[in-house]
C-alpha cells in the first residue's frame, strides 16, 4: 500500500487520522442520538424489537431537516 500511495502522489492527498476518532465520524453522532432517545432505558425481549426501535430512530433523524447536517458539522464536514 505504501508503494501505491507513493506512486499516486501527483494527485492524491493523504490525511492521516488517529486510529480511533469518534469526533471525526458523523455516524457516532447519529448512534449517540438514537441511543439517548429511542434506545434509552429500553430492554427488549427480542433482538427484532430492538432493531425495529433503532430503525424508527434512524427514520426520525432522517426526517428531521437539520439534524443530519448537525452531525456532519460536528465532525468538521459541513457544506
PDB file of N, CA and C in Angstrom:
ATOM      1  N   UNK A   1       0.822  -1.179   0.000  1.00  0.00           N
ATOM      2  CA  UNK A   1       0.000   0.000   0.000  1.00  0.00           C
ATOM      3  C   UNK A   1       0.874   1.254   0.000  1.00  0.00           C
ATOM      4  N   UNK A   2       1.928   1.244   0.785  1.00  0.00           N
ATOM      5  CA  UNK A   2       2.819   2.408   0.831  1.00  0.00           C
ATOM      6  C   UNK A   2       3.389   2.724  -0.553  1.00  0.00           C
ATOM      7  N   UNK A   3       3.777   1.687  -1.301  1.00  0.00           N
ATOM      8  CA  UNK A   3       4.305   1.901  -2.655  1.00  0.00           C
ATOM      9  C   UNK A   3       3.236   2.518  -3.554  1.00  0.00           C
ATOM     10  N   UNK A   4       2.029   2.002  -3.477  1.00  0.00           N
ATOM     11  CA  UNK A   4       0.929   2.531  -4.285  1.00  0.00           C
ATOM     12  C   UNK A   4       0.679   3.997  -3.950  1.00  0.00           C
ATOM     13  N   UNK A   5       0.662   4.322  -2.674  1.00  0.00           N
ATOM     14  CA  UNK A   5       0.424   5.711  -2.269  1.00  0.00           C
ATOM     15  C   UNK A   5       1.527   6.635  -2.775  1.00  0.00           C
ATOM     16  N   UNK A   6       2.769   6.176  -2.730  1.00  0.00           N
ATOM     17  CA  UNK A   6       3.867   6.989  -3.254  1.00  0.00           C
ATOM     18  C   UNK A   6       3.710   7.237  -4.748  1.00  0.00           C
ATOM     19  N   UNK A   7       3.250   6.241  -5.481  1.00  0.00           N
ATOM     20  CA  UNK A   7       3.056   6.381  -6.930  1.00  0.00           C
ATOM     21  C   UNK A   7       1.946   7.387  -7.259  1.00  0.00           C
ATOM     22  N   UNK A   8       0.989   7.579  -6.370  1.00  0.00           N
ATOM     23  CA  UNK A   8      -0.161   8.452  -6.622  1.00  0.00           C
ATOM     24  C   UNK A   8       0.033   9.865  -6.090  1.00  0.00           C
ATOM     25  N   UNK A   9       1.224  10.187  -5.641  1.00  0.00           N
ATOM     26  CA  UNK A   9       1.479  11.484  -5.015  1.00  0.00           C
ATOM     27  C   UNK A   9       1.110  12.690  -5.862  1.00  0.00           C
ATOM     28  N   UNK A  10       1.154  12.538  -7.175  1.00  0.00           N
ATOM     29  CA  UNK A  10       0.882  13.682  -8.052  1.00  0.00           C
ATOM     30  C   UNK A  10      -0.538  14.219  -7.877  1.00  0.00           C
ATOM     31  N   UNK A  11      -1.471  13.373  -7.563  1.00  0.00           N
ATOM     32  CA  UNK A  11      -2.868  13.820  -7.480  1.00  0.00           C
ATOM     33  C   UNK A  11      -3.548  13.483  -6.154  1.00  0.00           C
ATOM     34  N   UNK A  12      -2.963  12.599  -5.365  1.00  0.00           N
ATOM     35  CA  UNK A  12      -3.620  12.118  -4.148  1.00  0.00           C
ATOM     36  C   UNK A  12      -3.070  12.831  -2.919  1.00  0.00           C
ATOM     37  N   UNK A  13      -3.975  13.375  -2.120  1.00  0.00           N
ATOM     38  CA  UNK A  13      -3.594  13.973  -0.844  1.00  0.00           C
ATOM     39  C   UNK A  13      -4.032  13.027   0.262  1.00  0.00           C
ATOM     40  N   UNK A  14      -3.115  12.689   1.126  1.00  0.00           N
ATOM     41  CA  UNK A  14      -3.392  11.730   2.202  1.00  0.00           C
ATOM     42  C   UNK A  14      -3.554  12.496   3.509  1.00  0.00           C
ATOM     43  N   UNK A  15      -4.642  12.205   4.203  1.00  0.00           N
ATOM     44  CA  UNK A  15      -4.884  12.774   5.525  1.00  0.00           C
ATOM     45  C   UNK A  15      -4.812  11.631   6.526  1.00  0.00           C
ATOM     46  N   UNK A  16      -3.799  11.639   7.358  1.00  0.00           N
ATOM     47  CA  UNK A  16      -3.660  10.581   8.360  1.00  0.00           C
ATOM     48  C   UNK A  16      -4.526  10.928   9.560  1.00  0.00           C
ATOM     49  N   UNK A  17      -5.394  10.011   9.913  1.00  0.00           N
ATOM     50  CA  UNK A  17      -6.305  10.195  11.036  1.00  0.00           C
ATOM     51  C   UNK A  17      -5.901   9.269  12.177  1.00  0.00           C
ATOM     52  N   UNK A  18      -6.271   9.618  13.388  1.00  0.00           N
ATOM     53  CA  UNK A  18      -5.999   8.708  14.503  1.00  0.00           C
ATOM     54  C   UNK A  18      -6.761   7.401  14.320  1.00  0.00           C
ATOM     55  N   UNK A  19      -6.257   6.345  14.936  1.00  0.00           N
ATOM     56  CA  UNK A  19      -6.885   5.036  14.764  1.00  0.00           C
ATOM     57  C   UNK A  19      -8.314   5.002  15.292  1.00  0.00           C
ATOM     58  N   UNK A  20      -8.594   5.745  16.341  1.00  0.00           N
ATOM     59  CA  UNK A  20      -9.954   5.814  16.863  1.00  0.00           C
ATOM     60  C   UNK A  20     -10.282   7.272  17.115  1.00  0.00           C
ATOM     61  N   UNK A  21     -11.179   7.812  16.317  1.00  0.00           N
ATOM     62  CA  UNK A  21     -11.533   9.224  16.442  1.00  0.00           C
ATOM     63  C   UNK A  21     -13.036   9.397  16.284  1.00  0.00           C
ATOM     64  N   UNK A  22     -13.816   9.093  17.310  1.00  0.00           N
ATOM     65  CA  UNK A  22     -15.272   9.199  17.189  1.00  0.00           C
ATOM     66  C   UNK A  22     -15.735  10.624  16.875  1.00  0.00           C
ATOM     67  N   UNK A  23     -14.978  11.639  17.277  1.00  0.00           N
ATOM     68  CA  UNK A  23     -15.380  13.012  16.985  1.00  0.00           C
ATOM     69  C   UNK A  23     -15.323  13.330  15.496  1.00  0.00           C
ATOM     70  N   UNK A  24     -14.555  12.543  14.735  1.00  0.00           N
ATOM     71  CA  UNK A  24     -14.427  12.775  13.298  1.00  0.00           C
ATOM     72  C   UNK A  24     -15.385  11.910  12.483  1.00  0.00           C
ATOM     73  N   UNK A  25     -16.197  11.115  13.156  1.00  0.00           N
ATOM     74  CA  UNK A  25     -17.096  10.181  12.479  1.00  0.00           C
ATOM     75  C   UNK A  25     -18.551  10.604  12.714  1.00  0.00           C
ATOM     76  N   UNK A  26     -19.229  11.097  11.667  1.00  0.00           N
ATOM     77  CA  UNK A  26     -20.612  11.544  11.851  1.00  0.00           C
ATOM     78  C   UNK A  26     -21.558  10.431  12.293  1.00  0.00           C
ATOM     79  N   UNK A  27     -21.245   9.183  11.958  1.00  0.00           N
ATOM     80  CA  UNK A  27     -22.102   8.066  12.359  1.00  0.00           C
ATOM     81  C   UNK A  27     -22.150   7.918  13.878  1.00  0.00           C
ATOM     82  N   UNK A  28     -21.092   8.306  14.557  1.00  0.00           N
ATOM     83  CA  UNK A  28     -21.089   8.240  16.023  1.00  0.00           C
ATOM     84  C   UNK A  28     -22.136   9.185  16.613  1.00  0.00           C
ATOM     85  N   UNK A  29     -22.288  10.353  16.018  1.00  0.00           N
ATOM     86  CA  UNK A  29     -23.297  11.304  16.494  1.00  0.00           C
ATOM     87  C   UNK A  29     -24.703  10.777  16.300  1.00  0.00           C
ATOM     88  N   UNK A  30     -24.936  10.148  15.161  1.00  0.00           N
ATOM     89  CA  UNK A  30     -26.255   9.560  14.902  1.00  0.00           C
ATOM     90  C   UNK A  30     -26.538   8.467  15.913  1.00  0.00           C
ATOM     91  N   UNK A  31     -25.565   7.570  16.101  1.00  0.00           N
ATOM     92  CA  UNK A  31     -25.736   6.471  17.048  1.00  0.00           C
ATOM     93  C   UNK A  31     -26.013   7.014  18.455  1.00  0.00           C
ATOM     94  N   UNK A  32     -25.248   8.007  18.885  1.00  0.00           N
ATOM     95  CA  UNK A  32     -25.458   8.565  20.226  1.00  0.00           C
ATOM     96  C   UNK A  32     -26.831   9.213  20.366  1.00  0.00           C
ATOM     97  N   UNK A  33     -27.288   9.861  19.308  1.00  0.00           N
ATOM     98  CA  UNK A  33     -28.606  10.498  19.347  1.00  0.00           C
ATOM     99  C   UNK A  33     -29.710   9.468  19.480  1.00  0.00           C
ATOM    100  N   UNK A  34     -29.671   8.429  18.667  1.00  0.00           N
ATOM    101  CA  UNK A  34     -30.701   7.382  18.722  1.00  0.00           C
ATOM    102  C   UNK A  34     -30.608   6.625  20.045  1.00  0.00           C
ATOM    103  N   UNK A  35     -29.381   6.381  20.491  1.00  0.00           N
ATOM    104  CA  UNK A  35     -29.182   5.652  21.744  1.00  0.00           C
ATOM    105  C   UNK A  35     -29.760   6.417  22.929  1.00  0.00           C
ATOM    106  N   UNK A  36     -29.643   7.743  22.899  1.00  0.00           N
ATOM    107  CA  UNK A  36     -30.136   8.522  24.042  1.00  0.00           C
ATOM    108  C   UNK A  36     -31.633   8.820  23.966  1.00  0.00           C
ATOM    109  N   UNK A  37     -32.250   8.558  22.829  1.00  0.00           N
ATOM    110  CA  UNK A  37     -33.691   8.812  22.689  1.00  0.00           C
ATOM    111  C   UNK A  37     -34.471   7.497  22.631  1.00  0.00           C
ATOM    112  N   UNK A  38     -34.451   6.846  21.489  1.00  0.00           N
ATOM    113  CA  UNK A  38     -35.270   5.643  21.291  1.00  0.00           C
ATOM    114  C   UNK A  38     -34.786   4.449  22.116  1.00  0.00           C
ATOM    115  N   UNK A  39     -33.479   4.334  22.320  1.00  0.00           N
ATOM    116  CA  UNK A  39     -32.945   3.153  22.994  1.00  0.00           C
ATOM    117  C   UNK A  39     -32.730   3.360  24.496  1.00  0.00           C
ATOM    118  N   UNK A  40     -32.938   4.576  24.987  1.00  0.00           N
ATOM    119  CA  UNK A  40     -32.704   4.863  26.407  1.00  0.00           C
ATOM    120  C   UNK A  40     -33.666   4.058  27.289  1.00  0.00           C
ATOM    121  N   UNK A  41     -33.122   3.387  28.271  1.00  0.00           N
ATOM    122  CA  UNK A  41     -33.904   2.596  29.234  1.00  0.00           C
ATOM    123  C   UNK A  41     -34.819   1.572  28.564  1.00  0.00           C
ATOM    124  N   UNK A  42     -34.423   1.075  27.420  1.00  0.00           N
ATOM    125  CA  UNK A  42     -35.222   0.105  26.676  1.00  0.00           C
ATOM    126  C   UNK A  42     -34.578  -1.267  26.810  1.00  0.00           C
ATOM    127  N   UNK A  43     -35.351  -2.229  27.240  1.00  0.00           N
ATOM    128  CA  UNK A  43     -34.851  -3.586  27.436  1.00  0.00           C
ATOM    129  C   UNK A  43     -35.776  -4.556  26.689  1.00  0.00           C
ATOM    130  N   UNK A  44     -35.520  -4.791  25.408  1.00  0.00           N
ATOM    131  CA  UNK A  44     -36.411  -5.647  24.620  1.00  0.00           C
ATOM    132  C   UNK A  44     -36.238  -7.121  24.953  1.00  0.00           C
ATOM    133  N   UNK A  45     -37.273  -7.882  24.687  1.00  0.00           N
ATOM    134  CA  UNK A  45     -37.191  -9.330  24.866  1.00  0.00           C
ATOM    135  C   UNK A  45     -36.527 -10.004  23.676  1.00  0.00           C
ATOM    136  N   UNK A  46     -36.644  -9.385  22.514  1.00  0.00           N
ATOM    137  CA  UNK A  46     -36.092  -9.972  21.290  1.00  0.00           C
ATOM    138  C   UNK A  46     -35.256  -8.944  20.537  1.00  0.00           C
ATOM    139  N   UNK A  47     -34.275  -9.433  19.830  1.00  0.00           N
ATOM    140  CA  UNK A  47     -33.417  -8.561  19.043  1.00  0.00           C
ATOM    141  C   UNK A  47     -34.207  -7.858  17.940  1.00  0.00           C
ATOM    142  N   UNK A  48     -35.217  -8.522  17.401  1.00  0.00           N
ATOM    143  CA  UNK A  48     -36.026  -7.895  16.346  1.00  0.00           C
ATOM    144  C   UNK A  48     -36.737  -6.648  16.870  1.00  0.00           C
ATOM    145  N   UNK A  49     -37.136  -6.663  18.138  1.00  0.00           N
ATOM    146  CA  UNK A  49     -37.775  -5.488  18.740  1.00  0.00           C
ATOM    147  C   UNK A  49     -36.783  -4.333  18.848  1.00  0.00           C
ATOM    148  N   UNK A  50     -35.560  -4.643  19.266  1.00  0.00           N
ATOM    149  CA  UNK A  50     -34.523  -3.613  19.373  1.00  0.00           C
ATOM    150  C   UNK A  50     -34.191  -3.046  17.997  1.00  0.00           C
ATOM    151  N   UNK A  51     -34.097  -3.907  17.001  1.00  0.00           N
ATOM    152  CA  UNK A  51     -33.786  -3.455  15.641  1.00  0.00           C
ATOM    153  C   UNK A  51     -34.890  -2.556  15.100  1.00  0.00           C
ATOM    154  N   UNK A  52     -36.138  -2.903  15.370  1.00  0.00           N
ATOM    155  CA  UNK A  52     -37.260  -2.090  14.899  1.00  0.00           C
ATOM    156  C   UNK A  52     -37.235  -0.712  15.551  1.00  0.00           C
ATOM    157  N   UNK A  53     -36.951  -0.664  16.834  1.00  0.00           N
ATOM    158  CA  UNK A  53     -36.904   0.626  17.523  1.00  0.00           C
ATOM    159  C   UNK A  53     -35.726   1.462  17.026  1.00  0.00           C
ATOM    160  N   UNK A  54     -34.608   0.802  16.771  1.00  0.00           N
ATOM    161  CA  UNK A  54     -33.450   1.523  16.254  1.00  0.00           C
ATOM    162  C   UNK A  54     -33.759   2.101  14.866  1.00  0.00           C
ATOM    163  N   UNK A  55     -34.446   1.326  14.027  1.00  0.00           N
ATOM    164  CA  UNK A  55     -34.834   1.822  12.701  1.00  0.00           C
ATOM    165  C   UNK A  55     -35.752   3.039  12.811  1.00  0.00           C
ATOM    166  N   UNK A  56     -36.651   3.009  13.782  1.00  0.00           N
ATOM    167  CA  UNK A  56     -37.526   4.171  13.994  1.00  0.00           C
ATOM    168  C   UNK A  56     -36.701   5.405  14.364  1.00  0.00           C
ATOM    169  N   UNK A  57     -35.673   5.196  15.151  1.00  0.00           N
ATOM    170  CA  UNK A  57     -34.793   6.312  15.500  1.00  0.00           C
ATOM    171  C   UNK A  57     -34.066   6.862  14.291  1.00  0.00           C
ATOM    172  N   UNK A  58     -33.582   5.975  13.441  1.00  0.00           N
ATOM    173  CA  UNK A  58     -32.918   6.429  12.215  1.00  0.00           C
ATOM    174  C   UNK A  58     -33.887   7.181  11.314  1.00  0.00           C
ATOM    175  N   UNK A  59     -35.129   6.716  11.262  1.00  0.00           N
ATOM    176  CA  UNK A  59     -36.135   7.425  10.474  1.00  0.00           C
ATOM    177  C   UNK A  59     -36.382   8.817  11.041  1.00  0.00           C
ATOM    178  N   UNK A  60     -36.462   8.918  12.369  1.00  0.00           N
ATOM    179  CA  UNK A  60     -36.669  10.219  12.997  1.00  0.00           C
ATOM    180  C   UNK A  60     -35.543  11.173  12.614  1.00  0.00           C
ATOM    181  N   UNK A  61     -34.316  10.669  12.675  1.00  0.00           N
ATOM    182  CA  UNK A  61     -33.171  11.515  12.317  1.00  0.00           C
ATOM    183  C   UNK A  61     -33.253  11.933  10.851  1.00  0.00           C
ATOM    184  N   UNK A  62     -33.582  10.992   9.984  1.00  0.00           N
ATOM    185  CA  UNK A  62     -33.592  11.303   8.548  1.00  0.00           C
ATOM    186  C   UNK A  62     -34.751  12.221   8.161  1.00  0.00           C
ATOM    187  N   UNK A  63     -35.853  12.189   8.908  1.00  0.00           N
ATOM    188  CA  UNK A  63     -36.994  13.042   8.594  1.00  0.00           C
ATOM    189  C   UNK A  63     -36.843  14.453   9.149  1.00  0.00           C
ATOM    190  N   UNK A  64     -35.888  14.644  10.030  1.00  0.00           N
ATOM    191  CA  UNK A  64     -35.630  15.962  10.593  1.00  0.00           C
ATOM    192  C   UNK A  64     -34.723  16.720   9.632  1.00  0.00           C
ATOM    193  N   UNK A  65     -35.108  17.899   9.252  1.00  0.00           N
ATOM    194  CA  UNK A  65     -34.403  18.610   8.190  1.00  0.00           C
ATOM    195  C   UNK A  65     -32.954  18.956   8.541  1.00  0.00           C
ATOM    196  N   UNK A  66     -32.692  19.476   9.720  1.00  0.00           N
ATOM    197  CA  UNK A  66     -31.363  19.978  10.061  1.00  0.00           C
ATOM    198  C   UNK A  66     -30.513  19.017  10.894  1.00  0.00           C
ATOM    199  N   UNK A  67     -31.134  18.069  11.546  1.00  0.00           N
ATOM    200  CA  UNK A  67     -30.394  17.192  12.451  1.00  0.00           C
ATOM    201  C   UNK A  67     -29.271  16.408  11.769  1.00  0.00           C
ATOM    202  N   UNK A  68     -29.500  15.771  10.619  1.00  0.00           N
ATOM    203  CA  UNK A  68     -28.388  15.040   9.983  1.00  0.00           C
ATOM    204  C   UNK A  68     -27.190  15.943   9.664  1.00  0.00           C
ATOM    205  N   UNK A  69     -27.461  17.184   9.273  1.00  0.00           N
ATOM    206  CA  UNK A  69     -26.366  18.104   8.958  1.00  0.00           C
ATOM    207  C   UNK A  69     -25.591  18.511  10.206  1.00  0.00           C
ATOM    208  N   UNK A  70     -26.252  18.481  11.365  1.00  0.00           N
ATOM    209  CA  UNK A  70     -25.542  18.834  12.597  1.00  0.00           C
ATOM    210  C   UNK A  70     -24.465  17.801  12.914  1.00  0.00           C
ATOM    211  N   UNK A  71     -24.689  16.538  12.572  1.00  0.00           N
ATOM    212  CA  UNK A  71     -23.670  15.513  12.807  1.00  0.00           C
ATOM    213  C   UNK A  71     -22.475  15.721  11.880  1.00  0.00           C
ATOM    214  N   UNK A  72     -22.740  16.120  10.653  1.00  0.00           N
ATOM    215  CA  UNK A  72     -21.647  16.431   9.720  1.00  0.00           C
ATOM    216  C   UNK A  72     -20.866  17.650  10.198  1.00  0.00           C
ATOM    217  N   UNK A  73     -21.580  18.679  10.637  1.00  0.00           N
ATOM    218  CA  UNK A  73     -20.935  19.905  11.118  1.00  0.00           C
ATOM    219  C   UNK A  73     -20.065  19.624  12.341  1.00  0.00           C
ATOM    220  N   UNK A  74     -20.579  18.789  13.256  1.00  0.00           N
ATOM    221  CA  UNK A  74     -19.819  18.446  14.457  1.00  0.00           C
ATOM    222  C   UNK A  74     -18.518  17.716  14.107  1.00  0.00           C
ATOM    223  N   UNK A  75     -18.546  16.918  13.044  1.00  0.00           N
ATOM    224  CA  UNK A  75     -17.346  16.180  12.616  1.00  0.00           C
ATOM    225  C   UNK A  75     -16.424  17.035  11.749  1.00  0.00           C
ATOM    226  N   UNK A  76     -16.816  18.300  11.514  1.00  0.00           N
ATOM    227  CA  UNK A  76     -15.980  19.176  10.696  1.00  0.00           C
ATOM    228  C   UNK A  76     -16.187  18.961   9.209  1.00  0.00           C
ATOM    229  N   UNK A  77     -17.334  18.399   8.834  1.00  0.00           N
ATOM    230  CA  UNK A  77     -17.611  18.114   7.431  1.00  0.00           C
ATOM    231  C   UNK A  77     -18.776  18.932   6.910  1.00  0.00           C
ATOM    232  N   UNK A  78     -18.932  20.163   7.386  1.00  0.00           N
ATOM    233  CA  UNK A  78     -20.073  20.967   6.962  1.00  0.00           C
ATOM    234  C   UNK A  78     -19.919  21.396   5.511  1.00  0.00           C
ATOM    235  N   UNK A  79     -21.072  21.639   4.889  1.00  0.00           N
ATOM    236  CA  UNK A  79     -21.101  22.010   3.477  1.00  0.00           C
ATOM    237  C   UNK A  79     -21.585  23.434   3.329  1.00  0.00           C
TER     238      UNK A  79
END
